[in-house]
């Protein structure tokens, strides 16, 4: 049995952001969520996050492209994609985790791509969701009891945005 190169897997994990940004720029996808807040406000005060959320016209094709690029950099089939079970029209890219087996408890979601459109602002050639649309989404999620598990993160993001952006 041939063991995968650990350095290549580490490199793929570190290049995740670059791969997502390059694909988003090329295919005109919009980056949303915490990564959009970081791009708009700067990273020194933003909430740390590992995953990437995007909006695309063709989420299934976008996840396949990203999966293929990540696996090429990793040198093994470390990443896989599948449709989200909770949200229709959303596709996810997962890292297989330490055991390198699909569908186990240690798999980590790294990219979520949803179908749709959001208002965007271009920063360094990449489309990022505007802060106004992010605030609107966060306030909607805070009113919904279904999203109680993320209320703490959303409140923090809203305080951060409203504290930095003056009207």
N, C-alpha and C. Protein backbone atom coordinates (compact mmCIF):
# COMPACT_ATOMS: atom_id res chain seq x y z
N UNK A 1 0.84 -1.18 0.00
CA UNK A 1 0.00 0.00 0.00
C UNK A 1 0.88 1.25 0.00
N UNK A 2 0.58 2.18 -0.89
CA UNK A 2 1.35 3.42 -1.00
C UNK A 2 0.73 4.48 -0.10
N UNK A 3 1.53 5.04 0.80
CA UNK A 3 1.04 6.08 1.69
C UNK A 3 1.08 7.43 0.99
N UNK A 4 0.05 8.28 1.17
CA UNK A 4 0.05 9.59 0.54
C UNK A 4 1.10 10.50 1.16
N UNK A 5 1.57 11.44 0.37
CA UNK A 5 2.58 12.38 0.81
C UNK A 5 1.94 13.41 1.74
N UNK A 6 2.37 13.46 2.99
CA UNK A 6 1.79 14.36 3.99
C UNK A 6 2.01 15.82 3.63
N UNK A 7 3.17 16.12 3.04
CA UNK A 7 3.47 17.49 2.66
C UNK A 7 2.47 18.00 1.62
N UNK A 8 2.14 17.16 0.65
CA UNK A 8 1.19 17.56 -0.38
C UNK A 8 -0.20 17.82 0.22
N UNK A 9 -0.61 17.00 1.18
CA UNK A 9 -1.91 17.20 1.82
C UNK A 9 -1.92 18.49 2.64
N UNK A 10 -0.83 18.76 3.31
CA UNK A 10 -0.69 20.01 4.08
C UNK A 10 -0.74 21.20 3.13
N UNK A 11 -0.06 21.07 2.00
CA UNK A 11 -0.02 22.14 1.00
C UNK A 11 -1.43 22.40 0.45
N UNK A 12 -2.19 21.34 0.19
CA UNK A 12 -3.55 21.50 -0.33
C UNK A 12 -4.43 22.24 0.67
N UNK A 13 -4.29 21.91 1.95
CA UNK A 13 -5.08 22.57 2.98
C UNK A 13 -4.73 24.05 3.09
N UNK A 14 -3.44 24.37 2.95
CA UNK A 14 -3.01 25.77 3.02
C UNK A 14 -3.35 26.54 1.76
N UNK A 15 -3.46 25.87 0.63
CA UNK A 15 -3.77 26.53 -0.64
C UNK A 15 -5.27 26.61 -0.90
N UNK A 16 -6.07 26.10 0.02
CA UNK A 16 -7.51 26.08 -0.16
C UNK A 16 -8.06 27.46 -0.52
N UNK A 17 -7.68 28.47 0.23
CA UNK A 17 -8.16 29.83 -0.02
C UNK A 17 -7.76 30.34 -1.40
N UNK A 18 -6.52 30.08 -1.79
CA UNK A 18 -6.06 30.51 -3.11
C UNK A 18 -6.82 29.81 -4.23
N UNK A 19 -7.07 28.53 -4.06
CA UNK A 19 -7.79 27.76 -5.07
C UNK A 19 -9.22 28.26 -5.20
N UNK A 20 -9.88 28.52 -4.06
CA UNK A 20 -11.26 29.02 -4.08
C UNK A 20 -11.33 30.39 -4.72
N UNK A 21 -10.42 31.29 -4.33
CA UNK A 21 -10.42 32.64 -4.90
C UNK A 21 -10.18 32.62 -6.40
N UNK A 22 -9.23 31.82 -6.84
CA UNK A 22 -8.91 31.74 -8.27
C UNK A 22 -10.10 31.20 -9.06
N UNK A 23 -10.76 30.17 -8.53
CA UNK A 23 -11.93 29.62 -9.20
C UNK A 23 -13.09 30.61 -9.20
N UNK A 24 -13.29 31.30 -8.08
CA UNK A 24 -14.36 32.30 -7.99
C UNK A 24 -14.13 33.44 -8.97
N UNK A 25 -12.89 33.86 -9.10
CA UNK A 25 -12.55 34.94 -10.02
C UNK A 25 -12.78 34.52 -11.47
N UNK A 26 -12.34 33.33 -11.81
CA UNK A 26 -12.44 32.84 -13.18
C UNK A 26 -13.89 32.60 -13.60
N UNK A 27 -14.70 32.05 -12.68
CA UNK A 27 -16.07 31.65 -13.02
C UNK A 27 -17.14 32.61 -12.50
N UNK A 28 -16.71 33.78 -12.00
CA UNK A 28 -17.62 34.82 -11.53
C UNK A 28 -18.56 34.34 -10.42
N UNK A 29 -18.02 33.59 -9.48
CA UNK A 29 -18.76 33.20 -8.29
C UNK A 29 -18.53 34.25 -7.21
N UNK A 30 -19.45 34.35 -6.26
CA UNK A 30 -19.36 35.35 -5.20
C UNK A 30 -19.07 34.67 -3.87
N UNK A 31 -18.07 35.15 -3.16
CA UNK A 31 -17.72 34.63 -1.85
C UNK A 31 -18.57 35.35 -0.82
N UNK A 32 -19.21 34.57 0.06
CA UNK A 32 -20.10 35.13 1.08
C UNK A 32 -19.63 34.67 2.46
N UNK A 33 -20.34 35.10 3.50
CA UNK A 33 -20.06 34.64 4.85
C UNK A 33 -18.87 35.33 5.49
N UNK A 34 -18.22 34.61 6.40
CA UNK A 34 -17.12 35.18 7.18
C UNK A 34 -15.95 35.60 6.30
N UNK A 35 -15.69 34.86 5.24
CA UNK A 35 -14.59 35.22 4.34
C UNK A 35 -14.86 36.55 3.65
N UNK A 36 -16.13 36.84 3.33
CA UNK A 36 -16.49 38.13 2.72
C UNK A 36 -16.31 39.27 3.74
N UNK A 37 -16.65 39.00 4.99
CA UNK A 37 -16.46 40.01 6.04
C UNK A 37 -14.97 40.30 6.20
N UNK A 38 -14.15 39.26 6.21
CA UNK A 38 -12.70 39.44 6.33
C UNK A 38 -12.16 40.27 5.17
N UNK A 39 -12.63 39.98 3.95
CA UNK A 39 -12.14 40.71 2.78
C UNK A 39 -12.57 42.18 2.81
N UNK A 40 -13.78 42.44 3.29
CA UNK A 40 -14.29 43.81 3.33
C UNK A 40 -13.71 44.64 4.47
N UNK A 41 -13.49 44.02 5.63
CA UNK A 41 -13.05 44.76 6.81
C UNK A 41 -11.58 44.58 7.16
N UNK A 42 -11.00 43.49 6.73
CA UNK A 42 -9.63 43.17 7.12
C UNK A 42 -9.64 42.05 8.15
N UNK A 43 -8.57 41.31 8.22
CA UNK A 43 -8.55 40.10 9.04
C UNK A 43 -8.13 40.32 10.48
N UNK A 44 -7.64 41.47 10.83
CA UNK A 44 -7.07 41.65 12.17
C UNK A 44 -8.11 41.58 13.28
N UNK A 45 -9.38 41.84 12.98
CA UNK A 45 -10.39 41.83 14.03
C UNK A 45 -11.52 40.85 13.75
N UNK A 46 -11.49 40.21 12.60
CA UNK A 46 -12.59 39.34 12.19
C UNK A 46 -12.56 38.00 12.92
N UNK A 47 -13.71 37.35 12.89
CA UNK A 47 -13.85 36.03 13.49
C UNK A 47 -13.09 35.00 12.65
N UNK A 48 -12.26 34.16 13.27
CA UNK A 48 -11.51 33.17 12.49
C UNK A 48 -12.46 32.11 11.91
N UNK A 49 -12.18 31.70 10.69
CA UNK A 49 -13.00 30.68 10.05
C UNK A 49 -12.13 29.85 9.12
N UNK A 50 -12.53 28.60 8.90
CA UNK A 50 -11.77 27.70 8.05
C UNK A 50 -12.48 27.42 6.74
N UNK A 51 -13.80 27.48 6.75
CA UNK A 51 -14.54 27.08 5.55
C UNK A 51 -14.83 28.27 4.65
N UNK A 52 -15.21 27.98 3.43
CA UNK A 52 -15.51 28.99 2.42
C UNK A 52 -16.94 28.79 1.95
N UNK A 53 -17.69 29.88 1.84
CA UNK A 53 -19.07 29.85 1.36
C UNK A 53 -19.13 30.68 0.08
N UNK A 54 -19.74 30.10 -0.95
CA UNK A 54 -19.83 30.78 -2.24
C UNK A 54 -21.25 30.72 -2.77
N UNK A 55 -21.56 31.64 -3.68
CA UNK A 55 -22.80 31.63 -4.43
C UNK A 55 -22.42 31.51 -5.90
N UNK A 56 -23.08 30.57 -6.59
CA UNK A 56 -22.75 30.29 -7.98
C UNK A 56 -24.02 29.98 -8.76
N UNK A 57 -23.96 30.18 -10.07
CA UNK A 57 -25.09 29.78 -10.92
C UNK A 57 -25.13 28.27 -11.08
N UNK A 58 -23.97 27.62 -11.04
CA UNK A 58 -23.87 26.17 -11.22
C UNK A 58 -23.06 25.58 -10.07
N UNK A 59 -23.69 25.36 -8.91
CA UNK A 59 -22.94 24.90 -7.73
C UNK A 59 -22.34 23.50 -7.89
N UNK A 60 -23.03 22.61 -8.59
CA UNK A 60 -22.52 21.24 -8.75
C UNK A 60 -21.22 21.25 -9.55
N UNK A 61 -21.19 22.00 -10.64
CA UNK A 61 -19.98 22.09 -11.46
C UNK A 61 -18.85 22.77 -10.70
N UNK A 62 -19.19 23.79 -9.91
CA UNK A 62 -18.17 24.50 -9.14
C UNK A 62 -17.54 23.59 -8.09
N UNK A 63 -18.34 22.78 -7.40
CA UNK A 63 -17.78 21.86 -6.40
C UNK A 63 -16.90 20.81 -7.07
N UNK A 64 -17.29 20.33 -8.22
CA UNK A 64 -16.47 19.34 -8.92
C UNK A 64 -15.12 19.94 -9.33
N UNK A 65 -15.13 21.18 -9.82
CA UNK A 65 -13.89 21.85 -10.21
C UNK A 65 -12.96 22.01 -9.01
N UNK A 66 -13.51 22.51 -7.90
CA UNK A 66 -12.70 22.73 -6.71
C UNK A 66 -12.16 21.41 -6.14
N UNK A 67 -12.99 20.38 -6.14
CA UNK A 67 -12.57 19.07 -5.65
C UNK A 67 -11.42 18.53 -6.49
N UNK A 68 -11.55 18.65 -7.79
CA UNK A 68 -10.51 18.16 -8.70
C UNK A 68 -9.19 18.91 -8.47
N UNK A 69 -9.25 20.24 -8.33
CA UNK A 69 -8.04 21.03 -8.11
C UNK A 69 -7.38 20.69 -6.76
N UNK A 70 -8.20 20.56 -5.72
CA UNK A 70 -7.65 20.23 -4.40
C UNK A 70 -7.01 18.84 -4.39
N UNK A 71 -7.65 17.87 -5.02
CA UNK A 71 -7.09 16.53 -5.08
C UNK A 71 -5.79 16.50 -5.88
N UNK A 72 -5.71 17.32 -6.91
CA UNK A 72 -4.48 17.39 -7.71
C UNK A 72 -3.33 17.93 -6.87
N UNK A 73 -3.59 18.98 -6.10
CA UNK A 73 -2.55 19.55 -5.24
C UNK A 73 -2.18 18.58 -4.12
N UNK A 74 -3.17 17.89 -3.54
CA UNK A 74 -2.93 16.96 -2.44
C UNK A 74 -2.23 15.69 -2.91
N UNK A 75 -2.34 15.36 -4.20
CA UNK A 75 -1.70 14.17 -4.72
C UNK A 75 -2.46 12.89 -4.42
N UNK A 76 -3.67 13.01 -3.91
CA UNK A 76 -4.50 11.85 -3.59
C UNK A 76 -5.95 12.29 -3.54
N UNK A 77 -6.86 11.34 -3.49
CA UNK A 77 -8.28 11.69 -3.43
C UNK A 77 -8.67 11.99 -1.99
N UNK A 78 -8.25 13.13 -1.54
CA UNK A 78 -8.47 13.57 -0.16
C UNK A 78 -9.77 14.35 -0.01
N UNK A 79 -10.27 14.91 -1.10
CA UNK A 79 -11.47 15.75 -1.07
C UNK A 79 -12.56 15.12 -1.93
N UNK A 80 -13.80 15.30 -1.50
CA UNK A 80 -14.94 14.81 -2.29
C UNK A 80 -16.10 15.79 -2.14
N UNK A 81 -17.03 15.73 -3.09
CA UNK A 81 -18.17 16.64 -3.04
C UNK A 81 -19.46 15.85 -3.05
N UNK A 82 -20.50 16.46 -2.46
CA UNK A 82 -21.84 15.88 -2.48
C UNK A 82 -22.86 16.97 -2.16
N UNK A 83 -24.11 16.75 -2.57
CA UNK A 83 -25.16 17.74 -2.26
C UNK A 83 -25.42 17.80 -0.75
N UNK A 84 -25.80 18.97 -0.28
CA UNK A 84 -26.11 19.15 1.13
C UNK A 84 -27.43 18.44 1.46
N UNK A 85 -27.48 17.83 2.62
CA UNK A 85 -28.70 17.15 3.05
C UNK A 85 -29.70 18.13 3.67
N UNK A 86 -29.20 19.25 4.21
CA UNK A 86 -30.08 20.21 4.87
C UNK A 86 -30.63 21.27 3.92
N UNK A 87 -29.84 21.69 2.94
CA UNK A 87 -30.23 22.82 2.08
C UNK A 87 -30.27 22.39 0.62
N UNK A 88 -31.45 22.51 0.01
CA UNK A 88 -31.58 22.18 -1.41
C UNK A 88 -30.83 23.22 -2.23
N UNK A 89 -30.16 22.78 -3.28
CA UNK A 89 -29.42 23.69 -4.15
C UNK A 89 -28.03 24.01 -3.65
N UNK A 90 -27.61 23.41 -2.54
CA UNK A 90 -26.27 23.63 -2.00
C UNK A 90 -25.45 22.36 -2.17
N UNK A 91 -24.20 22.54 -2.60
CA UNK A 91 -23.27 21.42 -2.72
C UNK A 91 -22.07 21.72 -1.85
N UNK A 92 -21.48 20.65 -1.30
CA UNK A 92 -20.39 20.82 -0.34
C UNK A 92 -19.16 20.03 -0.78
N UNK A 93 -17.99 20.57 -0.42
CA UNK A 93 -16.73 19.87 -0.61
C UNK A 93 -16.22 19.50 0.78
N UNK A 94 -15.86 18.23 0.95
CA UNK A 94 -15.40 17.72 2.24
C UNK A 94 -13.96 17.25 2.14
N UNK A 95 -13.23 17.37 3.26
CA UNK A 95 -11.91 16.77 3.43
C UNK A 95 -12.17 15.45 4.16
N UNK A 96 -11.55 14.36 3.73
CA UNK A 96 -11.82 13.04 4.30
C UNK A 96 -11.31 12.86 5.72
N UNK A 97 -10.52 13.78 6.22
CA UNK A 97 -10.06 13.69 7.60
C UNK A 97 -8.86 12.77 7.76
N UNK A 98 -8.57 12.42 9.01
CA UNK A 98 -7.38 11.63 9.33
C UNK A 98 -7.44 10.20 8.79
N UNK A 99 -8.64 9.61 8.73
CA UNK A 99 -8.74 8.23 8.29
C UNK A 99 -8.76 8.08 6.77
N UNK A 100 -8.91 9.19 6.03
CA UNK A 100 -8.93 9.21 4.57
C UNK A 100 -10.05 8.33 4.00
N UNK A 101 -11.19 8.26 4.70
CA UNK A 101 -12.35 7.49 4.25
C UNK A 101 -13.55 8.44 4.15
N UNK A 102 -14.25 8.37 3.03
CA UNK A 102 -15.41 9.23 2.81
C UNK A 102 -16.55 8.87 3.76
N UNK A 103 -17.28 9.89 4.19
CA UNK A 103 -18.51 9.68 4.95
C UNK A 103 -18.34 9.26 6.38
N UNK A 104 -17.20 9.54 7.01
CA UNK A 104 -17.01 9.20 8.42
C UNK A 104 -17.15 10.47 9.28
N UNK A 105 -17.12 10.28 10.58
CA UNK A 105 -17.35 11.40 11.51
C UNK A 105 -16.26 12.46 11.47
N UNK A 106 -15.06 12.10 11.06
CA UNK A 106 -13.98 13.09 11.08
C UNK A 106 -13.89 13.91 9.79
N UNK A 107 -14.80 13.71 8.84
CA UNK A 107 -14.79 14.51 7.61
C UNK A 107 -15.12 15.96 7.93
N UNK A 108 -14.42 16.86 7.26
CA UNK A 108 -14.57 18.28 7.54
C UNK A 108 -15.05 19.00 6.29
N UNK A 109 -16.16 19.73 6.41
CA UNK A 109 -16.66 20.53 5.30
C UNK A 109 -15.77 21.74 5.10
N UNK A 110 -15.26 21.92 3.86
CA UNK A 110 -14.35 23.03 3.61
C UNK A 110 -14.94 24.08 2.68
N UNK A 111 -15.83 23.69 1.78
CA UNK A 111 -16.45 24.64 0.86
C UNK A 111 -17.93 24.33 0.74
N UNK A 112 -18.77 25.38 0.84
CA UNK A 112 -20.22 25.27 0.60
C UNK A 112 -20.55 26.19 -0.56
N UNK A 113 -21.18 25.63 -1.59
CA UNK A 113 -21.55 26.45 -2.74
C UNK A 113 -23.05 26.35 -2.95
N UNK A 114 -23.71 27.51 -2.94
CA UNK A 114 -25.16 27.61 -3.05
C UNK A 114 -25.52 28.27 -4.37
N UNK A 115 -26.68 27.89 -4.89
CA UNK A 115 -27.16 28.51 -6.12
C UNK A 115 -27.90 29.80 -5.79
N UNK A 116 -27.65 30.84 -6.57
CA UNK A 116 -28.35 32.10 -6.37
C UNK A 116 -27.49 33.29 -6.76
N UNK A 117 -27.95 34.46 -6.34
CA UNK A 117 -27.24 35.71 -6.59
C UNK A 117 -27.30 36.57 -5.35
N UNK A 118 -26.22 37.30 -5.10
CA UNK A 118 -26.18 38.27 -4.02
C UNK A 118 -25.47 39.53 -4.53
N UNK A 119 -25.77 40.69 -3.95
CA UNK A 119 -25.03 41.89 -4.33
C UNK A 119 -23.56 41.72 -3.96
N UNK A 120 -22.68 42.18 -4.82
CA UNK A 120 -21.26 41.96 -4.56
C UNK A 120 -20.42 43.20 -4.79
N UNK A 121 -19.21 43.12 -4.24
CA UNK A 121 -18.21 44.16 -4.39
C UNK A 121 -16.94 43.45 -4.86
N UNK A 122 -16.28 43.99 -5.87
CA UNK A 122 -15.07 43.35 -6.41
C UNK A 122 -13.85 43.87 -5.65
N UNK A 123 -13.10 42.93 -5.06
CA UNK A 123 -11.87 43.25 -4.34
C UNK A 123 -10.77 42.37 -4.93
N UNK A 124 -9.76 42.99 -5.51
CA UNK A 124 -8.65 42.27 -6.16
C UNK A 124 -9.15 41.29 -7.23
N UNK A 125 -10.19 41.67 -7.94
CA UNK A 125 -10.72 40.85 -9.03
C UNK A 125 -11.66 39.74 -8.61
N UNK A 126 -11.88 39.58 -7.31
CA UNK A 126 -12.75 38.52 -6.78
C UNK A 126 -14.04 39.15 -6.26
N UNK A 127 -15.17 38.53 -6.53
CA UNK A 127 -16.45 39.04 -6.05
C UNK A 127 -16.69 38.60 -4.60
N UNK A 128 -16.96 39.57 -3.74
CA UNK A 128 -17.30 39.31 -2.34
C UNK A 128 -18.67 39.94 -2.06
N UNK A 129 -19.46 39.30 -1.22
CA UNK A 129 -20.76 39.85 -0.84
C UNK A 129 -20.57 41.20 -0.16
N UNK A 130 -21.48 42.13 -0.41
CA UNK A 130 -21.40 43.43 0.23
C UNK A 130 -21.73 43.30 1.71
N UNK A 131 -21.24 44.25 2.49
CA UNK A 131 -21.53 44.22 3.92
C UNK A 131 -23.01 44.44 4.19
N UNK A 132 -23.68 45.24 3.34
CA UNK A 132 -25.11 45.48 3.52
C UNK A 132 -25.90 44.18 3.36
N UNK A 133 -25.56 43.38 2.37
CA UNK A 133 -26.28 42.11 2.17
C UNK A 133 -25.95 41.13 3.30
N UNK A 134 -24.72 41.18 3.80
CA UNK A 134 -24.33 40.31 4.91
C UNK A 134 -25.11 40.68 6.17
N UNK A 135 -25.24 41.98 6.44
CA UNK A 135 -26.00 42.43 7.61
C UNK A 135 -27.45 41.97 7.50
N UNK A 136 -28.03 42.12 6.33
CA UNK A 136 -29.42 41.71 6.11
C UNK A 136 -29.60 40.21 6.36
N UNK A 137 -28.67 39.39 5.86
CA UNK A 137 -28.74 37.94 6.08
C UNK A 137 -28.58 37.58 7.55
N UNK A 138 -27.65 38.23 8.23
CA UNK A 138 -27.41 37.95 9.65
C UNK A 138 -28.63 38.33 10.49
N UNK A 139 -29.24 39.48 10.19
CA UNK A 139 -30.43 39.89 10.95
C UNK A 139 -31.60 38.94 10.71
N UNK A 140 -31.74 38.46 9.49
CA UNK A 140 -32.79 37.48 9.18
C UNK A 140 -32.55 36.19 9.95
N UNK A 141 -31.31 35.72 9.99
CA UNK A 141 -30.98 34.49 10.71
C UNK A 141 -31.20 34.64 12.21
N UNK A 142 -30.95 35.84 12.75
CA UNK A 142 -31.15 36.06 14.19
C UNK A 142 -32.63 36.02 14.57
N UNK A 143 -33.51 36.40 13.65
CA UNK A 143 -34.95 36.35 13.94
C UNK A 143 -35.52 34.94 13.84
N UNK A 144 -34.80 34.04 13.18
CA UNK A 144 -35.29 32.68 12.95
C UNK A 144 -34.79 31.74 14.05
N UNK A 145 -35.71 31.10 14.76
CA UNK A 145 -35.37 30.18 15.84
C UNK A 145 -34.63 28.94 15.33
N UNK A 146 -34.84 28.59 14.07
CA UNK A 146 -34.19 27.43 13.47
C UNK A 146 -32.66 27.58 13.47
N UNK A 147 -32.18 28.82 13.40
CA UNK A 147 -30.74 29.07 13.35
C UNK A 147 -30.18 29.48 14.71
N UNK A 148 -30.79 29.02 15.79
CA UNK A 148 -30.34 29.37 17.13
C UNK A 148 -28.89 28.93 17.38
N UNK A 149 -28.47 27.86 16.73
CA UNK A 149 -27.11 27.35 16.92
C UNK A 149 -26.04 28.34 16.42
N UNK A 150 -26.40 29.27 15.53
CA UNK A 150 -25.41 30.21 15.01
C UNK A 150 -25.64 31.65 15.46
N UNK A 151 -26.57 31.86 16.39
CA UNK A 151 -26.88 33.21 16.84
C UNK A 151 -25.66 33.91 17.46
N UNK A 152 -24.85 33.19 18.20
CA UNK A 152 -23.68 33.80 18.84
C UNK A 152 -22.71 34.34 17.78
N UNK A 153 -22.44 33.54 16.74
CA UNK A 153 -21.55 33.98 15.65
C UNK A 153 -22.14 35.17 14.91
N UNK A 154 -23.45 35.11 14.63
CA UNK A 154 -24.09 36.18 13.88
C UNK A 154 -24.11 37.50 14.66
N UNK A 155 -24.36 37.42 15.97
CA UNK A 155 -24.33 38.64 16.80
C UNK A 155 -22.94 39.25 16.81
N UNK A 156 -21.92 38.41 16.91
CA UNK A 156 -20.55 38.90 16.89
C UNK A 156 -20.24 39.59 15.56
N UNK A 157 -20.62 38.95 14.46
CA UNK A 157 -20.38 39.53 13.13
C UNK A 157 -21.10 40.86 12.95
N UNK A 158 -22.33 40.94 13.42
CA UNK A 158 -23.09 42.20 13.31
C UNK A 158 -22.44 43.32 14.11
N UNK A 159 -22.01 43.02 15.34
CA UNK A 159 -21.33 44.03 16.15
C UNK A 159 -20.04 44.49 15.46
N UNK A 160 -19.33 43.55 14.87
CA UNK A 160 -18.09 43.87 14.19
C UNK A 160 -18.34 44.78 12.98
N UNK A 161 -19.32 44.43 12.16
CA UNK A 161 -19.62 45.21 10.97
C UNK A 161 -20.14 46.60 11.34
N UNK A 162 -21.10 46.66 12.25
CA UNK A 162 -21.71 47.94 12.62
C UNK A 162 -20.72 48.83 13.36
N UNK A 163 -19.75 48.24 14.05
CA UNK A 163 -18.73 49.02 14.73
C UNK A 163 -17.70 49.61 13.78
N UNK A 164 -17.49 48.98 12.65
CA UNK A 164 -16.47 49.42 11.71
C UNK A 164 -17.02 50.26 10.56
N UNK A 165 -18.31 50.10 10.26
CA UNK A 165 -18.90 50.81 9.11
C UNK A 165 -19.81 51.91 9.63
N UNK A 166 -19.50 53.11 9.28
CA UNK A 166 -20.33 54.27 9.66
C UNK A 166 -21.15 54.69 8.47
N UNK A 167 -22.41 55.02 8.72
CA UNK A 167 -23.30 55.44 7.63
C UNK A 167 -23.22 56.91 7.39
